[in-house]
Amino acid sequence: MAGKAFALLGPTASGKSHLAIEIAERAPVEIVSMDSAQVYRGLDIGTAKPSAEERRRVPHHLVDLLDADRSYSTGRWRADAIAAIRQILAKGRVPLIVGGTMLYYRALVGGLDVLPQADPAVRAEIDADAAARGWPALHAELERVDPKSARRISPGDTQRIQRALEVWRLTGKPLSALQGVTRAELPFALKAFALVPAERELLHERIARRFDAMLKAGLVDELEQLRSRYRLTPGRCGNTSTAKSTRRRCASRRSPRRASSPSASSRGCAASARSNASPMMRARSRCGWATRSCRRRGC
């Protein structure tokens, strides 16, 4: 085992990126992004991607790798991250992994379970079932065939419900029985640190302010540009209805009473974004304006 890498973890808006850049400006550090959305070109505002100026000052890896209509898997990120860390170590510098996509971190340190590849036909079948019966009914089905997965997957987390049912229909085995089996060794030592906010309410206020700032910076325009440029589907980076729905719902939620409170209007728009978030956007956040919570992820 040669060299040591470090990881800086924590929920959305906890200050990871700012701290990482401060560290990198004082030490021979290069940042390896652990963000499932920052890999996409053009997703800048909504992912709080480091600015071009910040990336000139400090080397960043695994940012802007591919266009928004391309798929990027956890397995690919793991391979890319290991390669980037090896390159940094070979230069005599220190790799610092920074991000909140805990699925990526777990895959990095624990390896990847052997699971079937996504099957478009099975996914289409599940989507058709959801359209006919509703996702709560599919979550109930998951409770029957894989109660362990159903307990940890929210009834509103449609992407993960779909994946768990897909694995069951393809293999006849519960997803929970196939996970946690693989163990993998890394070719370097890894030490992780986490920014854990003492006051969750303060963190939520920071998230609300961040979302408000994103809207003012042109988040809806960014989404619409992506939507006009790419044919985005639920299996890709974005959802074709996200931009219009977010704009419409945010406008409708900003009543005169709420408009006087920036945090209230932010939360209203955040709720809108949550309800329309694509799989990519859901993966992006931990406890902010998308659907997955840091509490459940344990970050």
Foldseek 3Di string as FASTA:
>chain_A
DDAEAEEEEEFPPLCQVVVVLVVVLVFQEAEEEPFLQQLEPLCPLLLVDDDPVSCVSHPYHSGRNYHQQDDDDLVNSLVRRLVVQVVQVVVVGYYYYYAYLVVSVCCNQFNDFDADDDDVVLLVVVVVCCVVPNLLVLLVVCCVQPVVQSVLDDSPNSVSSSVQVRRCVVPVHGPVVRPPPGGDDRPYHYYYDYSDDPDVVVSQLSLLVSQLVSVVVPVLVSVVVSLVVDVDPLVTRFHNCQSVQLVVQLVVQCDVVQVVPSSSSSVSSLQSNQVRGGPNSQSRGACHSHDHHCVSVVD
